[in-house]
Amino acid sequence: MSETLANDVVTRLSGAADAASVREALAGRADVMEMTQATHDAALTPADPGGLSHGLRAALAVRIARLNGDEALAAHYMQLLDNAGASADEAAAADPSFKGSGRLAAAITFTDLVTMRTRETIAADIEALQKVGISDADIVRLAELNAFLAYQVRLIAGLKLMRATA
């Protein structure tokens, strides 16, 4: 197993390296796993975070992981949140019961909707983000973060299932 593969978030949190057959399958897809880790880094800690600070991104990632019942993934993102220097309101967004106000509330509402009821997302949900002053570029950034987390949560769950049946 390559060093990159052994250290990526998905491989580590899924425990995939513990099962030889899963480890071999991942080694055959090392390029995909490397791109997954690169996407993780780009979605959570981009060089230019725009209007979505690294702290808010980490807090929303914790929230999404918790909404999906993945506490190990939530703990991973909690470490990022602790290191990000988030404001108190941004950090509070990690708690799925926190609703916030203004722009933060709109971002949380959108994140919760996309995380839990993706099919129900409509144009009005994007317009709600725009109405509170979230720029189109930041709406794209928020959608990218949500899309990556949806992929990551499902990939980890799939690898755990593969490991369990190996």
N, C-alpha and C. Protein backbone atom coordinates (compact mmCIF):
# COMPACT_ATOMS: atom_id res chain seq x y z
N MET A 1 0.85 -1.18 0.00
CA MET A 1 0.00 0.00 0.00
C MET A 1 0.89 1.23 0.00
N SER A 2 0.58 2.19 -0.88
CA SER A 2 1.38 3.40 -0.95
C SER A 2 1.21 4.22 0.32
N GLU A 3 2.19 5.08 0.57
CA GLU A 3 2.12 5.92 1.77
C GLU A 3 0.91 6.84 1.71
N THR A 4 0.63 7.38 0.51
CA THR A 4 -0.54 8.26 0.36
C THR A 4 -1.81 7.51 0.70
N LEU A 5 -1.95 6.30 0.16
CA LEU A 5 -3.15 5.52 0.41
C LEU A 5 -3.28 5.17 1.88
N ALA A 6 -2.18 4.82 2.52
CA ALA A 6 -2.22 4.45 3.94
C ALA A 6 -2.61 5.63 4.83
N ASN A 7 -2.36 6.84 4.38
CA ASN A 7 -2.62 8.01 5.22
C ASN A 7 -3.86 8.80 4.82
N ASP A 8 -4.56 8.38 3.77
CA ASP A 8 -5.72 9.20 3.39
C ASP A 8 -6.87 8.98 4.36
N VAL A 9 -7.73 9.98 4.45
CA VAL A 9 -8.81 9.99 5.44
C VAL A 9 -9.77 8.82 5.22
N VAL A 10 -10.15 8.57 4.00
CA VAL A 10 -11.13 7.51 3.71
C VAL A 10 -10.57 6.14 4.09
N THR A 11 -9.36 5.86 3.68
CA THR A 11 -8.77 4.55 4.00
C THR A 11 -8.62 4.38 5.51
N ARG A 12 -8.15 5.42 6.17
CA ARG A 12 -7.95 5.35 7.62
C ARG A 12 -9.27 5.16 8.37
N LEU A 13 -10.29 5.96 8.03
CA LEU A 13 -11.54 5.90 8.79
C LEU A 13 -12.41 4.68 8.44
N SER A 14 -12.21 4.12 7.26
CA SER A 14 -12.98 2.93 6.90
C SER A 14 -12.36 1.66 7.44
N GLY A 15 -11.10 1.74 7.86
CA GLY A 15 -10.40 0.54 8.31
C GLY A 15 -10.12 -0.40 7.16
N ALA A 16 -10.16 0.10 5.94
CA ALA A 16 -10.01 -0.73 4.75
C ALA A 16 -8.67 -1.46 4.70
N ALA A 17 -7.66 -0.88 5.30
CA ALA A 17 -6.34 -1.51 5.25
C ALA A 17 -6.28 -2.78 6.08
N ASP A 18 -7.29 -3.00 6.94
CA ASP A 18 -7.30 -4.18 7.80
C ASP A 18 -7.67 -5.46 7.05
N ALA A 19 -8.29 -5.34 5.90
CA ALA A 19 -8.71 -6.52 5.14
C ALA A 19 -7.89 -6.59 3.85
N ALA A 20 -7.19 -7.69 3.63
CA ALA A 20 -6.29 -7.82 2.49
C ALA A 20 -7.01 -7.59 1.16
N SER A 21 -8.20 -8.16 1.01
CA SER A 21 -8.90 -8.03 -0.28
C SER A 21 -9.33 -6.58 -0.54
N VAL A 22 -9.71 -5.86 0.50
CA VAL A 22 -10.10 -4.44 0.33
C VAL A 22 -8.86 -3.60 0.08
N ARG A 23 -7.80 -3.92 0.78
CA ARG A 23 -6.52 -3.21 0.59
C ARG A 23 -6.04 -3.38 -0.85
N GLU A 24 -6.16 -4.58 -1.40
CA GLU A 24 -5.75 -4.82 -2.78
C GLU A 24 -6.64 -4.08 -3.76
N ALA A 25 -7.94 -4.06 -3.48
CA ALA A 25 -8.86 -3.33 -4.36
C ALA A 25 -8.52 -1.84 -4.37
N LEU A 26 -8.20 -1.29 -3.22
CA LEU A 26 -7.85 0.13 -3.14
C LEU A 26 -6.51 0.40 -3.82
N ALA A 27 -5.58 -0.53 -3.71
CA ALA A 27 -4.29 -0.34 -4.37
C ALA A 27 -4.48 -0.24 -5.88
N GLY A 28 -5.46 -0.97 -6.40
CA GLY A 28 -5.77 -0.90 -7.83
C GLY A 28 -6.46 0.39 -8.22
N ARG A 29 -6.94 1.11 -7.25
CA ARG A 29 -7.62 2.40 -7.48
C ARG A 29 -6.88 3.53 -6.75
N ALA A 30 -5.58 3.38 -6.62
CA ALA A 30 -4.80 4.36 -5.88
C ALA A 30 -4.97 5.77 -6.44
N ASP A 31 -5.11 5.88 -7.76
CA ASP A 31 -5.29 7.22 -8.35
C ASP A 31 -6.59 7.85 -7.89
N VAL A 32 -7.65 7.06 -7.78
CA VAL A 32 -8.94 7.59 -7.31
C VAL A 32 -8.83 8.02 -5.85
N MET A 33 -8.15 7.21 -5.05
CA MET A 33 -8.01 7.55 -3.64
C MET A 33 -7.15 8.80 -3.45
N GLU A 34 -6.13 8.95 -4.28
CA GLU A 34 -5.30 10.16 -4.20
C GLU A 34 -6.11 11.39 -4.60
N MET A 35 -6.96 11.25 -5.62
CA MET A 35 -7.81 12.38 -6.03
C MET A 35 -8.86 12.68 -4.97
N THR A 36 -9.35 11.64 -4.30
CA THR A 36 -10.32 11.84 -3.22
C THR A 36 -9.68 12.64 -2.08
N GLN A 37 -8.45 12.29 -1.73
CA GLN A 37 -7.76 13.03 -0.67
C GLN A 37 -7.47 14.47 -1.11
N ALA A 38 -7.10 14.65 -2.37
CA ALA A 38 -6.85 16.00 -2.88
C ALA A 38 -8.13 16.83 -2.86
N THR A 39 -9.26 16.20 -3.16
CA THR A 39 -10.54 16.90 -3.12
C THR A 39 -10.90 17.25 -1.68
N HIS A 40 -10.63 16.35 -0.75
CA HIS A 40 -10.83 16.63 0.67
C HIS A 40 -10.08 17.90 1.05
N ASP A 41 -8.81 17.95 0.69
CA ASP A 41 -7.99 19.11 1.05
C ASP A 41 -8.50 20.38 0.39
N ALA A 42 -8.91 20.28 -0.87
CA ALA A 42 -9.40 21.46 -1.60
C ALA A 42 -10.74 21.94 -1.05
N ALA A 43 -11.59 21.04 -0.63
CA ALA A 43 -12.91 21.42 -0.12
C ALA A 43 -12.84 21.98 1.30
N LEU A 44 -11.90 21.48 2.08
CA LEU A 44 -11.83 21.88 3.49
C LEU A 44 -10.84 22.99 3.78
N THR A 45 -9.71 22.98 3.08
CA THR A 45 -8.67 23.98 3.38
C THR A 45 -8.09 24.56 2.08
N PRO A 46 -8.94 25.16 1.26
CA PRO A 46 -8.43 25.73 0.01
C PRO A 46 -7.54 26.95 0.28
N ALA A 47 -6.65 27.22 -0.65
CA ALA A 47 -5.77 28.40 -0.52
C ALA A 47 -6.60 29.67 -0.47
N ASP A 48 -7.66 29.72 -1.25
CA ASP A 48 -8.58 30.87 -1.25
C ASP A 48 -9.95 30.38 -0.80
N PRO A 49 -10.28 30.55 0.48
CA PRO A 49 -11.57 30.02 0.97
C PRO A 49 -12.79 30.87 0.58
N GLY A 50 -12.55 32.02 -0.04
CA GLY A 50 -13.67 32.89 -0.39
C GLY A 50 -14.40 33.31 0.88
N GLY A 51 -15.73 33.31 0.83
CA GLY A 51 -16.54 33.70 1.97
C GLY A 51 -16.85 32.57 2.93
N LEU A 52 -16.29 31.39 2.67
CA LEU A 52 -16.50 30.24 3.57
C LEU A 52 -15.16 29.93 4.24
N SER A 53 -14.99 30.41 5.45
CA SER A 53 -13.72 30.22 6.15
C SER A 53 -13.42 28.74 6.34
N HIS A 54 -12.18 28.45 6.61
CA HIS A 54 -11.81 27.05 6.91
C HIS A 54 -12.57 26.55 8.13
N GLY A 55 -12.80 27.43 9.10
CA GLY A 55 -13.54 27.04 10.30
C GLY A 55 -14.98 26.67 9.99
N LEU A 56 -15.63 27.49 9.17
CA LEU A 56 -17.02 27.18 8.81
C LEU A 56 -17.09 25.90 8.00
N ARG A 57 -16.16 25.73 7.08
CA ARG A 57 -16.15 24.49 6.29
C ARG A 57 -16.01 23.27 7.21
N ALA A 58 -15.09 23.34 8.17
CA ALA A 58 -14.89 22.21 9.09
C ALA A 58 -16.13 21.99 9.94
N ALA A 59 -16.74 23.07 10.41
CA ALA A 59 -17.95 22.94 11.24
C ALA A 59 -19.08 22.29 10.45
N LEU A 60 -19.27 22.72 9.22
CA LEU A 60 -20.33 22.12 8.40
C LEU A 60 -20.01 20.65 8.10
N ALA A 61 -18.74 20.34 7.94
CA ALA A 61 -18.35 18.94 7.70
C ALA A 61 -18.66 18.08 8.94
N VAL A 62 -18.39 18.62 10.13
CA VAL A 62 -18.74 17.90 11.36
C VAL A 62 -20.25 17.67 11.37
N ARG A 63 -21.00 18.71 11.08
CA ARG A 63 -22.47 18.64 11.08
C ARG A 63 -22.96 17.55 10.12
N ILE A 64 -22.42 17.56 8.91
CA ILE A 64 -22.84 16.58 7.89
C ILE A 64 -22.48 15.16 8.36
N ALA A 65 -21.29 14.99 8.91
CA ALA A 65 -20.89 13.66 9.39
C ALA A 65 -21.85 13.20 10.49
N ARG A 66 -22.18 14.12 11.40
CA ARG A 66 -23.10 13.76 12.50
C ARG A 66 -24.51 13.45 11.97
N LEU A 67 -24.97 14.23 11.01
CA LEU A 67 -26.29 13.97 10.43
C LEU A 67 -26.34 12.60 9.75
N ASN A 68 -25.17 12.14 9.29
CA ASN A 68 -25.08 10.82 8.66
C ASN A 68 -24.70 9.73 9.65
N GLY A 69 -24.58 10.08 10.93
CA GLY A 69 -24.28 9.09 11.95
C GLY A 69 -22.86 8.54 11.91
N ASP A 70 -21.93 9.30 11.34
CA ASP A 70 -20.54 8.84 11.27
C ASP A 70 -19.70 9.66 12.25
N GLU A 71 -19.63 9.19 13.49
CA GLU A 71 -18.92 9.92 14.55
C GLU A 71 -17.41 9.92 14.34
N ALA A 72 -16.86 8.88 13.73
CA ALA A 72 -15.41 8.88 13.46
C ALA A 72 -15.07 9.99 12.47
N LEU A 73 -15.89 10.15 11.45
CA LEU A 73 -15.66 11.22 10.48
C LEU A 73 -15.89 12.58 11.15
N ALA A 74 -16.89 12.66 12.00
CA ALA A 74 -17.14 13.92 12.74
C ALA A 74 -15.92 14.26 13.60
N ALA A 75 -15.32 13.27 14.23
CA ALA A 75 -14.14 13.52 15.06
C ALA A 75 -12.97 14.01 14.21
N HIS A 76 -12.82 13.45 13.01
CA HIS A 76 -11.77 13.93 12.10
C HIS A 76 -11.98 15.42 11.81
N TYR A 77 -13.20 15.78 11.47
CA TYR A 77 -13.47 17.18 11.13
C TYR A 77 -13.45 18.09 12.36
N MET A 78 -13.74 17.53 13.52
CA MET A 78 -13.63 18.31 14.75
C MET A 78 -12.19 18.75 14.98
N GLN A 79 -11.24 17.89 14.64
CA GLN A 79 -9.82 18.26 14.76
C GLN A 79 -9.51 19.43 13.82
N LEU A 80 -10.04 19.36 12.60
CA LEU A 80 -9.83 20.48 11.67
C LEU A 80 -10.47 21.75 12.22
N LEU A 81 -11.66 21.60 12.78
CA LEU A 81 -12.35 22.77 13.36
C LEU A 81 -11.55 23.36 14.51
N ASP A 82 -11.01 22.52 15.35
CA ASP A 82 -10.21 23.00 16.49
C ASP A 82 -8.98 23.77 16.04
N ASN A 83 -8.44 23.39 14.89
CA ASN A 83 -7.22 24.04 14.39
C ASN A 83 -7.50 25.22 13.46
N ALA A 84 -8.76 25.43 13.13
CA ALA A 84 -9.10 26.43 12.11
C ALA A 84 -9.29 27.84 12.64
N GLY A 85 -9.41 27.99 13.94
CA GLY A 85 -9.63 29.33 14.48
C GLY A 85 -11.00 29.87 14.13
N ALA A 86 -12.01 29.02 14.22
CA ALA A 86 -13.37 29.42 13.88
C ALA A 86 -13.95 30.36 14.93
N SER A 87 -14.87 31.21 14.50
CA SER A 87 -15.61 32.04 15.45
C SER A 87 -16.55 31.13 16.25
N ALA A 88 -17.09 31.66 17.35
CA ALA A 88 -18.00 30.86 18.18
C ALA A 88 -19.24 30.44 17.39
N ASP A 89 -19.79 31.34 16.58
CA ASP A 89 -20.96 30.99 15.77
C ASP A 89 -20.63 29.93 14.73
N GLU A 90 -19.46 30.08 14.07
CA GLU A 90 -19.06 29.08 13.08
C GLU A 90 -18.91 27.72 13.75
N ALA A 91 -18.24 27.67 14.90
CA ALA A 91 -18.03 26.41 15.60
C ALA A 91 -19.36 25.79 16.03
N ALA A 92 -20.32 26.65 16.41
CA ALA A 92 -21.62 26.14 16.84
C ALA A 92 -22.35 25.43 15.71
N ALA A 93 -22.03 25.77 14.47
CA ALA A 93 -22.67 25.13 13.32
C ALA A 93 -22.39 23.63 13.26
N ALA A 94 -21.38 23.16 13.98
CA ALA A 94 -21.08 21.73 14.01
C ALA A 94 -22.18 20.93 14.70
N ASP A 95 -22.93 21.60 15.56
CA ASP A 95 -24.02 20.94 16.30
C ASP A 95 -25.29 20.94 15.45
N PRO A 96 -25.79 19.76 15.07
CA PRO A 96 -26.98 19.72 14.22
C PRO A 96 -28.23 20.40 14.81
N SER A 97 -28.24 20.65 16.11
CA SER A 97 -29.40 21.34 16.69
C SER A 97 -29.26 22.86 16.60
N PHE A 98 -28.08 23.37 16.27
CA PHE A 98 -27.85 24.81 16.15
C PHE A 98 -28.40 25.29 14.82
N LYS A 99 -29.16 26.40 14.86
CA LYS A 99 -29.77 26.91 13.63
C LYS A 99 -29.14 28.21 13.16
N GLY A 100 -28.52 29.00 14.05
CA GLY A 100 -27.86 30.24 13.65
C GLY A 100 -28.83 31.32 13.22
N SER A 101 -28.25 32.38 12.66
CA SER A 101 -29.06 33.48 12.14
C SER A 101 -28.38 34.07 10.91
N GLY A 102 -29.15 34.78 10.12
CA GLY A 102 -28.63 35.46 8.94
C GLY A 102 -27.98 34.52 7.93
N ARG A 103 -26.79 34.93 7.46
CA ARG A 103 -26.08 34.15 6.44
C ARG A 103 -25.74 32.75 6.94
N LEU A 104 -25.33 32.65 8.20
CA LEU A 104 -24.99 31.35 8.75
C LEU A 104 -26.20 30.43 8.78
N ALA A 105 -27.35 30.97 9.16
CA ALA A 105 -28.57 30.16 9.19
C ALA A 105 -28.93 29.67 7.79
N ALA A 106 -28.76 30.53 6.81
CA ALA A 106 -29.06 30.13 5.43
C ALA A 106 -28.12 29.01 4.97
N ALA A 107 -26.84 29.14 5.29
CA ALA A 107 -25.87 28.10 4.91
C ALA A 107 -26.19 26.79 5.62
N ILE A 108 -26.57 26.87 6.90
CA ILE A 108 -26.92 25.67 7.66
C ILE A 108 -28.19 25.03 7.10
N THR A 109 -29.19 25.84 6.83
CA THR A 109 -30.45 25.31 6.28
C THR A 109 -30.20 24.59 4.96
N PHE A 110 -29.39 25.22 4.10
CA PHE A 110 -29.07 24.60 2.81
C PHE A 110 -28.31 23.29 3.03
N THR A 111 -27.33 23.31 3.91
CA THR A 111 -26.52 22.11 4.19
C THR A 111 -27.39 20.98 4.72
N ASP A 112 -28.26 21.30 5.67
CA ASP A 112 -29.13 20.26 6.22
C ASP A 112 -30.06 19.68 5.15
N LEU A 113 -30.60 20.56 4.30
CA LEU A 113 -31.49 20.10 3.24
C LEU A 113 -30.75 19.18 2.27
N VAL A 114 -29.59 19.62 1.80
CA VAL A 114 -28.84 18.83 0.82
C VAL A 114 -28.36 17.52 1.45
N THR A 115 -28.04 17.55 2.72
CA THR A 115 -27.55 16.35 3.40
C THR A 115 -28.67 15.33 3.62
N MET A 116 -29.83 15.81 4.05
CA MET A 116 -30.87 14.87 4.47
C MET A 116 -31.99 14.65 3.45
N ARG A 117 -32.24 15.64 2.61
CA ARG A 117 -33.34 15.50 1.65
C ARG A 117 -32.93 16.09 0.29
N THR A 118 -31.88 15.56 -0.25
CA THR A 118 -31.26 16.10 -1.46
C THR A 118 -32.27 16.32 -2.58
N ARG A 119 -33.15 15.36 -2.78
CA ARG A 119 -34.13 15.45 -3.87
C ARG A 119 -35.07 16.64 -3.76
N GLU A 120 -35.22 17.16 -2.56
CA GLU A 120 -36.15 18.27 -2.35
C GLU A 120 -35.51 19.64 -2.63
N THR A 121 -34.24 19.66 -2.96
CA THR A 121 -33.56 20.93 -3.23
C THR A 121 -34.09 21.52 -4.53
N ILE A 122 -34.49 22.80 -4.45
CA ILE A 122 -35.04 23.48 -5.63
C ILE A 122 -34.36 24.85 -5.79
N ALA A 123 -34.66 25.49 -6.89
CA ALA A 123 -34.03 26.79 -7.19
C ALA A 123 -34.26 27.80 -6.08
N ALA A 124 -35.40 27.74 -5.43
CA ALA A 124 -35.70 28.69 -4.34
C ALA A 124 -34.71 28.55 -3.19
N ASP A 125 -34.14 27.38 -3.02
CA ASP A 125 -33.14 27.19 -1.95
C ASP A 125 -31.86 27.95 -2.27
N ILE A 126 -31.50 28.01 -3.52
CA ILE A 126 -30.34 28.81 -3.96
C ILE A 126 -30.68 30.29 -3.82
N GLU A 127 -31.88 30.66 -4.20
CA GLU A 127 -32.30 32.06 -4.09
C GLU A 127 -32.30 32.52 -2.62
N ALA A 128 -32.62 31.61 -1.72
CA ALA A 128 -32.60 31.96 -0.29
C ALA A 128 -31.18 32.30 0.16
N LEU A 129 -30.20 31.61 -0.39
CA LEU A 129 -28.81 31.91 -0.07
C LEU A 129 -28.43 33.28 -0.64
N GLN A 130 -28.86 33.54 -1.87
CA GLN A 130 -28.55 34.83 -2.50
C GLN A 130 -29.22 35.98 -1.76
N LYS A 131 -30.42 35.78 -1.26
CA LYS A 131 -31.16 36.84 -0.57
C LYS A 131 -30.45 37.33 0.71
N VAL A 132 -29.68 36.46 1.33
CA VAL A 132 -28.96 36.89 2.54
C VAL A 132 -27.54 37.35 2.23
N GLY A 133 -27.25 37.49 0.93
CA GLY A 133 -25.97 38.07 0.52
C GLY A 133 -24.84 37.09 0.29
N ILE A 134 -25.15 35.81 0.22
CA ILE A 134 -24.10 34.83 -0.10
C ILE A 134 -23.87 34.89 -1.61
N SER A 135 -22.63 35.12 -1.99
CA SER A 135 -22.30 35.28 -3.41
C SER A 135 -22.47 33.98 -4.18
N ASP A 136 -22.61 34.11 -5.48
CA ASP A 136 -22.72 32.91 -6.32
C ASP A 136 -21.48 32.02 -6.15
N ALA A 137 -20.30 32.64 -6.07
CA ALA A 137 -19.07 31.85 -5.91
C ALA A 137 -19.09 31.08 -4.59
N ASP A 138 -19.60 31.70 -3.53
CA ASP A 138 -19.67 31.00 -2.24
C ASP A 138 -20.77 29.94 -2.23
N ILE A 139 -21.82 30.16 -2.99
CA ILE A 139 -22.86 29.12 -3.12
C ILE A 139 -22.25 27.89 -3.80
N VAL A 140 -21.43 28.12 -4.82
CA VAL A 140 -20.75 27.00 -5.48
C VAL A 140 -19.81 26.31 -4.48
N ARG A 141 -19.07 27.10 -3.71
CA ARG A 141 -18.17 26.51 -2.71
C ARG A 141 -18.95 25.67 -1.70
N LEU A 142 -20.09 26.17 -1.25
CA LEU A 142 -20.92 25.44 -0.30
C LEU A 142 -21.45 24.14 -0.93
N ALA A 143 -21.88 24.22 -2.17
CA ALA A 143 -22.37 23.02 -2.87
C ALA A 143 -21.23 22.01 -3.06
N GLU A 144 -20.04 22.50 -3.37
CA GLU A 144 -18.88 21.60 -3.51
C GLU A 144 -18.58 20.88 -2.20
N LEU A 145 -18.62 21.61 -1.10
CA LEU A 145 -18.36 21.00 0.21
C LEU A 145 -19.40 19.93 0.50
N ASN A 146 -20.66 20.26 0.28
CA ASN A 146 -21.74 19.28 0.51
C ASN A 146 -21.60 18.07 -0.40
N ALA A 147 -21.28 18.29 -1.65
CA ALA A 147 -21.13 17.17 -2.59
C ALA A 147 -19.97 16.27 -2.19
N PHE A 148 -18.85 16.88 -1.80
CA PHE A 148 -17.72 16.05 -1.40
C PHE A 148 -18.06 15.22 -0.16
N LEU A 149 -18.68 15.85 0.83
CA LEU A 149 -19.03 15.10 2.04
C LEU A 149 -20.00 13.96 1.74
N ALA A 150 -20.97 14.19 0.85
CA ALA A 150 -21.90 13.11 0.48
C ALA A 150 -21.13 11.94 -0.12
N TYR A 151 -20.20 12.24 -1.00
CA TYR A 151 -19.35 11.20 -1.62
C TYR A 151 -18.51 10.50 -0.55
N GLN A 152 -17.85 11.27 0.30
CA GLN A 152 -16.95 10.71 1.29
C GLN A 152 -17.69 9.80 2.28
N VAL A 153 -18.83 10.26 2.77
CA VAL A 153 -19.62 9.46 3.72
C VAL A 153 -20.01 8.13 3.09
N ARG A 154 -20.45 8.17 1.84
CA ARG A 154 -20.88 6.94 1.17
C ARG A 154 -19.70 6.02 0.86
N LEU A 155 -18.58 6.60 0.46
CA LEU A 155 -17.38 5.80 0.18
C LEU A 155 -16.90 5.10 1.44
N ILE A 156 -16.84 5.80 2.55
CA ILE A 156 -16.42 5.17 3.81
C ILE A 156 -17.39 4.06 4.20
N ALA A 157 -18.68 4.31 4.08
CA ALA A 157 -19.67 3.28 4.43
C ALA A 157 -19.51 2.06 3.53
N GLY A 158 -19.28 2.27 2.25
CA GLY A 158 -19.10 1.16 1.32
C GLY A 158 -17.85 0.35 1.64
N LEU A 159 -16.77 1.03 1.96
CA LEU A 159 -15.53 0.32 2.29
C LEU A 159 -15.66 -0.43 3.61
N LYS A 160 -16.39 0.14 4.56
CA LYS A 160 -16.63 -0.59 5.81
C LYS A 160 -17.43 -1.87 5.54
N LEU A 161 -18.40 -1.78 4.66
CA LEU A 161 -19.20 -2.95 4.30
C LEU A 161 -18.32 -4.00 3.61
N MET A 162 -17.47 -3.55 2.69
CA MET A 162 -16.55 -4.48 2.03
C MET A 162 -15.64 -5.16 3.04
N ARG A 163 -15.13 -4.38 3.99
CA ARG A 163 -14.24 -4.93 5.01
C ARG A 163 -14.97 -5.97 5.86
N ALA A 164 -16.22 -5.65 6.21
CA ALA A 164 -17.01 -6.55 7.06
C ALA A 164 -17.33 -7.87 6.37
N THR A 165 -17.42 -7.86 5.06
CA THR A 165 -17.77 -9.08 4.34
C THR A 165 -16.56 -9.76 3.71
N ALA A 166 -15.37 -9.21 3.94
CA ALA A 166 -14.14 -9.79 3.33
C ALA A 166 -13.75 -11.08 4.03
